[in-house]
Amino acid sequence: MTAALVVVVGGLLVVAAGRFRSGAVVMAVGVSLALVLRLLLPHARAGMLAVRSKGVDIAVLATLAAATGVLALWVPPPSG
């Protein structure tokens, strides 16, 4: 959980620095990391990544990672 959280916070820092698209992509990578860890780790080792059943956790994380990545690439860069 800590590794995924560090990546997501890093993405938030990039967004705060004024680079929305890059930061959002980094956040999508962080959520994807959480997804991979939830897939690979057994329930006892998943820690706070295990909220519900493994299937529900994977579905939610996959949806969130995909939506964040798509929206990060879909939002047009600022004009000016």
PDB file of N, CA and C in Angstrom:
ATOM      1  N   MET A   1       0.835  -1.192   0.000  1.00  0.00           N
ATOM      2  CA  MET A   1       0.000   0.000   0.000  1.00  0.00           C
ATOM      3  C   MET A   1       0.865   1.236   0.000  1.00  0.00           C
ATOM      4  N   THR A   2       1.945   1.202   0.751  1.00  0.00           N
ATOM      5  CA  THR A   2       2.798   2.383   0.844  1.00  0.00           C
ATOM      6  C   THR A   2       3.400   2.739  -0.505  1.00  0.00           C
ATOM      7  N   ALA A   3       3.836   1.747  -1.267  1.00  0.00           N
ATOM      8  CA  ALA A   3       4.430   2.016  -2.576  1.00  0.00           C
ATOM      9  C   ALA A   3       3.422   2.683  -3.505  1.00  0.00           C
ATOM     10  N   ALA A   4       2.208   2.161  -3.551  1.00  0.00           N
ATOM     11  CA  ALA A   4       1.178   2.745  -4.405  1.00  0.00           C
ATOM     12  C   ALA A   4       0.816   4.144  -3.933  1.00  0.00           C
ATOM     13  N   LEU A   5       0.738   4.337  -2.635  1.00  0.00           N
ATOM     14  CA  LEU A   5       0.403   5.644  -2.085  1.00  0.00           C
ATOM     15  C   LEU A   5       1.481   6.675  -2.398  1.00  0.00           C
ATOM     16  N   VAL A   6       2.747   6.274  -2.331  1.00  0.00           N
ATOM     17  CA  VAL A   6       3.848   7.193  -2.648  1.00  0.00           C
ATOM     18  C   VAL A   6       3.764   7.636  -4.110  1.00  0.00           C
ATOM     19  N   VAL A   7       3.437   6.723  -5.005  1.00  0.00           N
ATOM     20  CA  VAL A   7       3.322   7.074  -6.424  1.00  0.00           C
ATOM     21  C   VAL A   7       2.148   8.026  -6.641  1.00  0.00           C
ATOM     22  N   VAL A   8       1.015   7.766  -6.012  1.00  0.00           N
ATOM     23  CA  VAL A   8      -0.150   8.639  -6.165  1.00  0.00           C
ATOM     24  C   VAL A   8       0.144  10.030  -5.597  1.00  0.00           C
ATOM     25  N   VAL A   9       0.776  10.101  -4.442  1.00  0.00           N
ATOM     26  CA  VAL A   9       1.127  11.401  -3.859  1.00  0.00           C
ATOM     27  C   VAL A   9       2.126  12.128  -4.759  1.00  0.00           C
ATOM     28  N   GLY A  10       3.048  11.388  -5.345  1.00  0.00           N
ATOM     29  CA  GLY A  10       3.969  11.994  -6.313  1.00  0.00           C
ATOM     30  C   GLY A  10       3.211  12.601  -7.486  1.00  0.00           C
ATOM     31  N   GLY A  11       2.196  11.909  -7.959  1.00  0.00           N
ATOM     32  CA  GLY A  11       1.358  12.446  -9.028  1.00  0.00           C
ATOM     33  C   GLY A  11       0.635  13.703  -8.603  1.00  0.00           C
ATOM     34  N   LEU A  12       0.146  13.718  -7.372  1.00  0.00           N
ATOM     35  CA  LEU A  12      -0.516  14.930  -6.865  1.00  0.00           C
ATOM     36  C   LEU A  12       0.459  16.098  -6.786  1.00  0.00           C
ATOM     37  N   LEU A  13       1.696  15.827  -6.428  1.00  0.00           N
ATOM     38  CA  LEU A  13       2.704  16.887  -6.386  1.00  0.00           C
ATOM     39  C   LEU A  13       3.004  17.417  -7.789  1.00  0.00           C
ATOM     40  N   VAL A  14       3.028  16.536  -8.763  1.00  0.00           N
ATOM     41  CA  VAL A  14       3.238  16.965 -10.148  1.00  0.00           C
ATOM     42  C   VAL A  14       2.067  17.833 -10.606  1.00  0.00           C
ATOM     43  N   VAL A  15       0.844  17.439 -10.248  1.00  0.00           N
ATOM     44  CA  VAL A  15      -0.333  18.251 -10.585  1.00  0.00           C
ATOM     45  C   VAL A  15      -0.243  19.615  -9.905  1.00  0.00           C
ATOM     46  N   ALA A  16       0.168  19.620  -8.647  1.00  0.00           N
ATOM     47  CA  ALA A  16       0.290  20.884  -7.915  1.00  0.00           C
ATOM     48  C   ALA A  16       1.348  21.788  -8.539  1.00  0.00           C
ATOM     49  N   ALA A  17       2.329  21.188  -9.210  1.00  0.00           N
ATOM     50  CA  ALA A  17       3.369  21.973  -9.875  1.00  0.00           C
ATOM     51  C   ALA A  17       2.894  22.524 -11.212  1.00  0.00           C
ATOM     52  N   GLY A  18       1.655  22.222 -11.586  1.00  0.00           N
ATOM     53  CA  GLY A  18       1.087  22.795 -12.800  1.00  0.00           C
ATOM     54  C   GLY A  18       1.111  21.895 -14.010  1.00  0.00           C
ATOM     55  N   ARG A  19       1.425  20.630 -13.845  1.00  0.00           N
ATOM     56  CA  ARG A  19       1.457  19.699 -14.972  1.00  0.00           C
ATOM     57  C   ARG A  19       0.376  18.646 -14.783  1.00  0.00           C
ATOM     58  N   PHE A  20      -0.861  19.045 -15.108  1.00  0.00           N
ATOM     59  CA  PHE A  20      -2.022  18.195 -14.838  1.00  0.00           C
ATOM     60  C   PHE A  20      -1.916  16.843 -15.523  1.00  0.00           C
ATOM     61  N   ARG A  21      -1.668  16.850 -16.820  1.00  0.00           N
ATOM     62  CA  ARG A  21      -1.684  15.595 -17.576  1.00  0.00           C
ATOM     63  C   ARG A  21      -0.633  14.621 -17.059  1.00  0.00           C
ATOM     64  N   SER A  22       0.591  15.087 -16.873  1.00  0.00           N
ATOM     65  CA  SER A  22       1.658  14.217 -16.384  1.00  0.00           C
ATOM     66  C   SER A  22       1.333  13.683 -14.991  1.00  0.00           C
ATOM     67  N   GLY A  23       0.838  14.553 -14.123  1.00  0.00           N
ATOM     68  CA  GLY A  23       0.500  14.135 -12.769  1.00  0.00           C
ATOM     69  C   GLY A  23      -0.631  13.127 -12.737  1.00  0.00           C
ATOM     70  N   ALA A  24      -1.631  13.330 -13.590  1.00  0.00           N
ATOM     71  CA  ALA A  24      -2.752  12.392 -13.632  1.00  0.00           C
ATOM     72  C   ALA A  24      -2.306  11.031 -14.152  1.00  0.00           C
ATOM     73  N   VAL A  25      -1.390  11.021 -15.110  1.00  0.00           N
ATOM     74  CA  VAL A  25      -0.864   9.747 -15.609  1.00  0.00           C
ATOM     75  C   VAL A  25      -0.080   9.043 -14.506  1.00  0.00           C
ATOM     76  N   VAL A  26       0.707   9.791 -13.734  1.00  0.00           N
ATOM     77  CA  VAL A  26       1.444   9.195 -12.618  1.00  0.00           C
ATOM     78  C   VAL A  26       0.472   8.618 -11.583  1.00  0.00           C
ATOM     79  N   MET A  27      -0.623   9.335 -11.312  1.00  0.00           N
ATOM     80  CA  MET A  27      -1.621   8.812 -10.374  1.00  0.00           C
ATOM     81  C   MET A  27      -2.257   7.533 -10.912  1.00  0.00           C
ATOM     82  N   ALA A  28      -2.525   7.482 -12.221  1.00  0.00           N
ATOM     83  CA  ALA A  28      -3.081   6.261 -12.824  1.00  0.00           C
ATOM     84  C   ALA A  28      -2.094   5.100 -12.681  1.00  0.00           C
ATOM     85  N   VAL A  29      -0.807   5.390 -12.812  1.00  0.00           N
ATOM     86  CA  VAL A  29       0.212   4.354 -12.628  1.00  0.00           C
ATOM     87  C   VAL A  29       0.216   3.872 -11.172  1.00  0.00           C
ATOM     88  N   GLY A  30       0.043   4.792 -10.237  1.00  0.00           N
ATOM     89  CA  GLY A  30      -0.008   4.411  -8.825  1.00  0.00           C
ATOM     90  C   GLY A  30      -1.192   3.513  -8.513  1.00  0.00           C
ATOM     91  N   VAL A  31      -2.346   3.823  -9.083  1.00  0.00           N
ATOM     92  CA  VAL A  31      -3.523   2.978  -8.867  1.00  0.00           C
ATOM     93  C   VAL A  31      -3.320   1.632  -9.556  1.00  0.00           C
ATOM     94  N   SER A  32      -2.671   1.652 -10.726  1.00  0.00           N
ATOM     95  CA  SER A  32      -2.373   0.386 -11.411  1.00  0.00           C
ATOM     96  C   SER A  32      -1.417  -0.467 -10.583  1.00  0.00           C
ATOM     97  N   LEU A  33      -0.465   0.168  -9.922  1.00  0.00           N
ATOM     98  CA  LEU A  33       0.439  -0.563  -9.035  1.00  0.00           C
ATOM     99  C   LEU A  33      -0.341  -1.217  -7.898  1.00  0.00           C
ATOM    100  N   ALA A  34      -1.292  -0.482  -7.334  1.00  0.00           N
ATOM    101  CA  ALA A  34      -2.132  -1.065  -6.285  1.00  0.00           C
ATOM    102  C   ALA A  34      -2.911  -2.266  -6.830  1.00  0.00           C
ATOM    103  N   LEU A  35      -3.391  -2.157  -8.057  1.00  0.00           N
ATOM    104  CA  LEU A  35      -4.117  -3.254  -8.693  1.00  0.00           C
ATOM    105  C   LEU A  35      -3.222  -4.482  -8.831  1.00  0.00           C
ATOM    106  N   VAL A  36      -2.021  -4.295  -9.323  1.00  0.00           N
ATOM    107  CA  VAL A  36      -1.096  -5.421  -9.510  1.00  0.00           C
ATOM    108  C   VAL A  36      -0.738  -6.050  -8.164  1.00  0.00           C
ATOM    109  N   LEU A  37      -0.483  -5.207  -7.176  1.00  0.00           N
ATOM    110  CA  LEU A  37      -0.165  -5.743  -5.848  1.00  0.00           C
ATOM    111  C   LEU A  37      -1.339  -6.529  -5.276  1.00  0.00           C
ATOM    112  N   ARG A  38      -2.558  -6.027  -5.467  1.00  0.00           N
ATOM    113  CA  ARG A  38      -3.741  -6.745  -4.961  1.00  0.00           C
ATOM    114  C   ARG A  38      -3.917  -8.071  -5.683  1.00  0.00           C
ATOM    115  N   LEU A  39      -3.580  -8.093  -6.977  1.00  0.00           N
ATOM    116  CA  LEU A  39      -3.670  -9.335  -7.737  1.00  0.00           C
ATOM    117  C   LEU A  39      -2.652 -10.372  -7.253  1.00  0.00           C
ATOM    118  N   LEU A  40      -1.443  -9.928  -6.949  1.00  0.00           N
ATOM    119  CA  LEU A  40      -0.356 -10.855  -6.660  1.00  0.00           C
ATOM    120  C   LEU A  40      -0.246 -11.262  -5.199  1.00  0.00           C
ATOM    121  N   LEU A  41      -0.577 -10.363  -4.292  1.00  0.00           N
ATOM    122  CA  LEU A  41      -0.387 -10.655  -2.875  1.00  0.00           C
ATOM    123  C   LEU A  41      -1.545 -11.485  -2.322  1.00  0.00           C
ATOM    124  N   PRO A  42      -1.249 -12.432  -1.454  1.00  0.00           N
ATOM    125  CA  PRO A  42      -2.335 -13.161  -0.786  1.00  0.00           C
ATOM    126  C   PRO A  42      -3.075 -12.228   0.173  1.00  0.00           C
ATOM    127  N   HIS A  43      -4.277 -12.619   0.529  1.00  0.00           N
ATOM    128  CA  HIS A  43      -5.127 -11.764   1.367  1.00  0.00           C
ATOM    129  C   HIS A  43      -4.434 -11.348   2.665  1.00  0.00           C
ATOM    130  N   ALA A  44      -3.704 -12.247   3.272  1.00  0.00           N
ATOM    131  CA  ALA A  44      -3.049 -11.948   4.547  1.00  0.00           C
ATOM    132  C   ALA A  44      -1.954 -10.895   4.392  1.00  0.00           C
ATOM    133  N   ARG A  45      -1.337 -10.811   3.204  1.00  0.00           N
ATOM    134  CA  ARG A  45      -0.245  -9.858   2.980  1.00  0.00           C
ATOM    135  C   ARG A  45      -0.712  -8.583   2.288  1.00  0.00           C
ATOM    136  N   ALA A  46      -1.937  -8.538   1.824  1.00  0.00           N
ATOM    137  CA  ALA A  46      -2.425  -7.381   1.073  1.00  0.00           C
ATOM    138  C   ALA A  46      -2.635  -6.166   1.961  1.00  0.00           C
ATOM    139  N   GLY A  47      -2.792  -6.378   3.242  1.00  0.00           N
ATOM    140  CA  GLY A  47      -2.944  -5.255   4.168  1.00  0.00           C
ATOM    141  C   GLY A  47      -4.152  -4.395   3.843  1.00  0.00           C
ATOM    142  N   MET A  48      -3.935  -3.083   3.773  1.00  0.00           N
ATOM    143  CA  MET A  48      -5.038  -2.160   3.534  1.00  0.00           C
ATOM    144  C   MET A  48      -5.521  -2.155   2.091  1.00  0.00           C
ATOM    145  N   LEU A  49      -4.822  -2.866   1.190  1.00  0.00           N
ATOM    146  CA  LEU A  49      -5.319  -3.006  -0.172  1.00  0.00           C
ATOM    147  C   LEU A  49      -6.531  -3.932  -0.212  1.00  0.00           C
ATOM    148  N   ALA A  50      -6.665  -4.791   0.785  1.00  0.00           N
ATOM    149  CA  ALA A  50      -7.780  -5.725   0.857  1.00  0.00           C
ATOM    150  C   ALA A  50      -8.924  -5.078   1.624  1.00  0.00           C
ATOM    151  N   VAL A  51      -9.878  -4.535   0.891  1.00  0.00           N
ATOM    152  CA  VAL A  51     -11.010  -3.866   1.521  1.00  0.00           C
ATOM    153  C   VAL A  51     -12.228  -4.789   1.517  1.00  0.00           C
ATOM    154  N   ARG A  52     -12.534  -5.327   0.378  1.00  0.00           N
ATOM    155  CA  ARG A  52     -13.653  -6.258   0.222  1.00  0.00           C
ATOM    156  C   ARG A  52     -13.094  -7.581  -0.278  1.00  0.00           C
ATOM    157  N   SER A  53     -13.885  -8.308  -1.011  1.00  0.00           N
ATOM    158  CA  SER A  53     -13.370  -9.545  -1.605  1.00  0.00           C
ATOM    159  C   SER A  53     -12.360  -9.182  -2.697  1.00  0.00           C
ATOM    160  N   LYS A  54     -11.516 -10.126  -3.041  1.00  0.00           N
ATOM    161  CA  LYS A  54     -10.463  -9.860  -4.016  1.00  0.00           C
ATOM    162  C   LYS A  54     -11.045  -9.417  -5.360  1.00  0.00           C
ATOM    163  N   GLY A  55     -12.124 -10.047  -5.778  1.00  0.00           N
ATOM    164  CA  GLY A  55     -12.753  -9.685  -7.055  1.00  0.00           C
ATOM    165  C   GLY A  55     -13.262  -8.263  -7.079  1.00  0.00           C
ATOM    166  N   VAL A  56     -13.905  -7.847  -5.998  1.00  0.00           N
ATOM    167  CA  VAL A  56     -14.428  -6.480  -5.917  1.00  0.00           C
ATOM    168  C   VAL A  56     -13.277  -5.475  -5.894  1.00  0.00           C
ATOM    169  N   ASP A  57     -12.256  -5.760  -5.100  1.00  0.00           N
ATOM    170  CA  ASP A  57     -11.098  -4.867  -5.036  1.00  0.00           C
ATOM    171  C   ASP A  57     -10.452  -4.702  -6.405  1.00  0.00           C
ATOM    172  N   ILE A  58     -10.281  -5.796  -7.124  1.00  0.00           N
ATOM    173  CA  ILE A  58      -9.652  -5.752  -8.438  1.00  0.00           C
ATOM    174  C   ILE A  58     -10.520  -4.975  -9.425  1.00  0.00           C
ATOM    175  N   ALA A  59     -11.825  -5.209  -9.391  1.00  0.00           N
ATOM    176  CA  ALA A  59     -12.729  -4.497 -10.302  1.00  0.00           C
ATOM    177  C   ALA A  59     -12.709  -2.994 -10.040  1.00  0.00           C
ATOM    178  N   VAL A  60     -12.739  -2.604  -8.780  1.00  0.00           N
ATOM    179  CA  VAL A  60     -12.736  -1.177  -8.433  1.00  0.00           C
ATOM    180  C   VAL A  60     -11.412  -0.532  -8.821  1.00  0.00           C
ATOM    181  N   LEU A  61     -10.306  -1.173  -8.490  1.00  0.00           N
ATOM    182  CA  LEU A  61      -8.997  -0.614  -8.824  1.00  0.00           C
ATOM    183  C   LEU A  61      -8.781  -0.538 -10.333  1.00  0.00           C
ATOM    184  N   ALA A  62      -9.216  -1.552 -11.066  1.00  0.00           N
ATOM    185  CA  ALA A  62      -9.071  -1.538 -12.525  1.00  0.00           C
ATOM    186  C   ALA A  62      -9.900  -0.413 -13.141  1.00  0.00           C
ATOM    187  N   THR A  63     -11.118  -0.240 -12.652  1.00  0.00           N
ATOM    188  CA  THR A  63     -11.974   0.832 -13.162  1.00  0.00           C
ATOM    189  C   THR A  63     -11.379   2.197 -12.853  1.00  0.00           C
ATOM    190  N   LEU A  64     -10.900   2.380 -11.642  1.00  0.00           N
ATOM    191  CA  LEU A  64     -10.306   3.657 -11.248  1.00  0.00           C
ATOM    192  C   LEU A  64      -9.030   3.950 -12.036  1.00  0.00           C
ATOM    193  N   ALA A  65      -8.179   2.953 -12.214  1.00  0.00           N
ATOM    194  CA  ALA A  65      -6.938   3.149 -12.976  1.00  0.00           C
ATOM    195  C   ALA A  65      -7.244   3.498 -14.429  1.00  0.00           C
ATOM    196  N   ALA A  66      -8.171   2.765 -15.042  1.00  0.00           N
ATOM    197  CA  ALA A  66      -8.517   3.024 -16.440  1.00  0.00           C
ATOM    198  C   ALA A  66      -9.163   4.398 -16.599  1.00  0.00           C
ATOM    199  N   ALA A  67     -10.089   4.729 -15.718  1.00  0.00           N
ATOM    200  CA  ALA A  67     -10.768   6.027 -15.817  1.00  0.00           C
ATOM    201  C   ALA A  67      -9.791   7.181 -15.616  1.00  0.00           C
ATOM    202  N   THR A  68      -8.891   7.056 -14.657  1.00  0.00           N
ATOM    203  CA  THR A  68      -7.911   8.112 -14.422  1.00  0.00           C
ATOM    204  C   THR A  68      -6.979   8.267 -15.620  1.00  0.00           C
ATOM    205  N   GLY A  69      -6.526   7.162 -16.165  1.00  0.00           N
ATOM    206  CA  GLY A  69      -5.645   7.219 -17.330  1.00  0.00           C
ATOM    207  C   GLY A  69      -6.329   7.798 -18.549  1.00  0.00           C
ATOM    208  N   VAL A  70      -7.550   7.365 -18.822  1.00  0.00           N
ATOM    209  CA  VAL A  70      -8.283   7.878 -19.981  1.00  0.00           C
ATOM    210  C   VAL A  70      -8.569   9.365 -19.819  1.00  0.00           C
ATOM    211  N   LEU A  71      -9.035   9.766 -18.659  1.00  0.00           N
ATOM    212  CA  LEU A  71      -9.327  11.187 -18.447  1.00  0.00           C
ATOM    213  C   LEU A  71      -8.060  12.035 -18.492  1.00  0.00           C
ATOM    214  N   ALA A  72      -6.947  11.509 -18.010  1.00  0.00           N
ATOM    215  CA  ALA A  72      -5.691  12.261 -18.057  1.00  0.00           C
ATOM    216  C   ALA A  72      -5.282  12.542 -19.501  1.00  0.00           C
ATOM    217  N   LEU A  73      -5.495  11.580 -20.379  1.00  0.00           N
ATOM    218  CA  LEU A  73      -5.113  11.754 -21.769  1.00  0.00           C
ATOM    219  C   LEU A  73      -6.189  12.451 -22.600  1.00  0.00           C
ATOM    220  N   TRP A  74      -7.426  12.471 -22.088  1.00  0.00           N
ATOM    221  CA  TRP A  74      -8.540  13.046 -22.834  1.00  0.00           C
ATOM    222  C   TRP A  74      -8.644  14.565 -22.634  1.00  0.00           C
ATOM    223  N   VAL A  75      -8.343  15.039 -21.457  1.00  0.00           N
ATOM    224  CA  VAL A  75      -8.463  16.463 -21.166  1.00  0.00           C
ATOM    225  C   VAL A  75      -7.465  17.218 -22.021  1.00  0.00           C
ATOM    226  N   PRO A  76      -7.928  18.207 -22.782  1.00  0.00           N
ATOM    227  CA  PRO A  76      -7.009  18.940 -23.652  1.00  0.00           C
ATOM    228  C   PRO A  76      -6.051  19.806 -22.829  1.00  0.00           C
ATOM    229  N   PRO A  77      -4.832  19.986 -23.333  1.00  0.00           N
ATOM    230  CA  PRO A  77      -3.908  20.862 -22.633  1.00  0.00           C
ATOM    231  C   PRO A  77      -4.419  22.306 -22.658  1.00  0.00           C
ATOM    232  N   PRO A  78      -4.011  23.121 -21.690  1.00  0.00           N
ATOM    233  CA  PRO A  78      -4.493  24.497 -21.684  1.00  0.00           C
ATOM    234  C   PRO A  78      -3.995  25.261 -22.897  1.00  0.00           C
ATOM    235  N   SER A  79      -4.861  26.079 -23.439  1.00  0.00           N
ATOM    236  CA  SER A  79      -4.458  26.882 -24.588  1.00  0.00           C
ATOM    237  C   SER A  79      -3.861  28.188 -24.108  1.00  0.00           C
ATOM    238  N   GLY A  80      -2.923  28.654 -24.834  1.00  0.00           N
ATOM    239  CA  GLY A  80      -2.367  29.935 -24.435  1.00  0.00           C
ATOM    240  C   GLY A  80      -0.961  29.947 -24.464  1.00  0.00           C
TER     241      GLY A  80
END
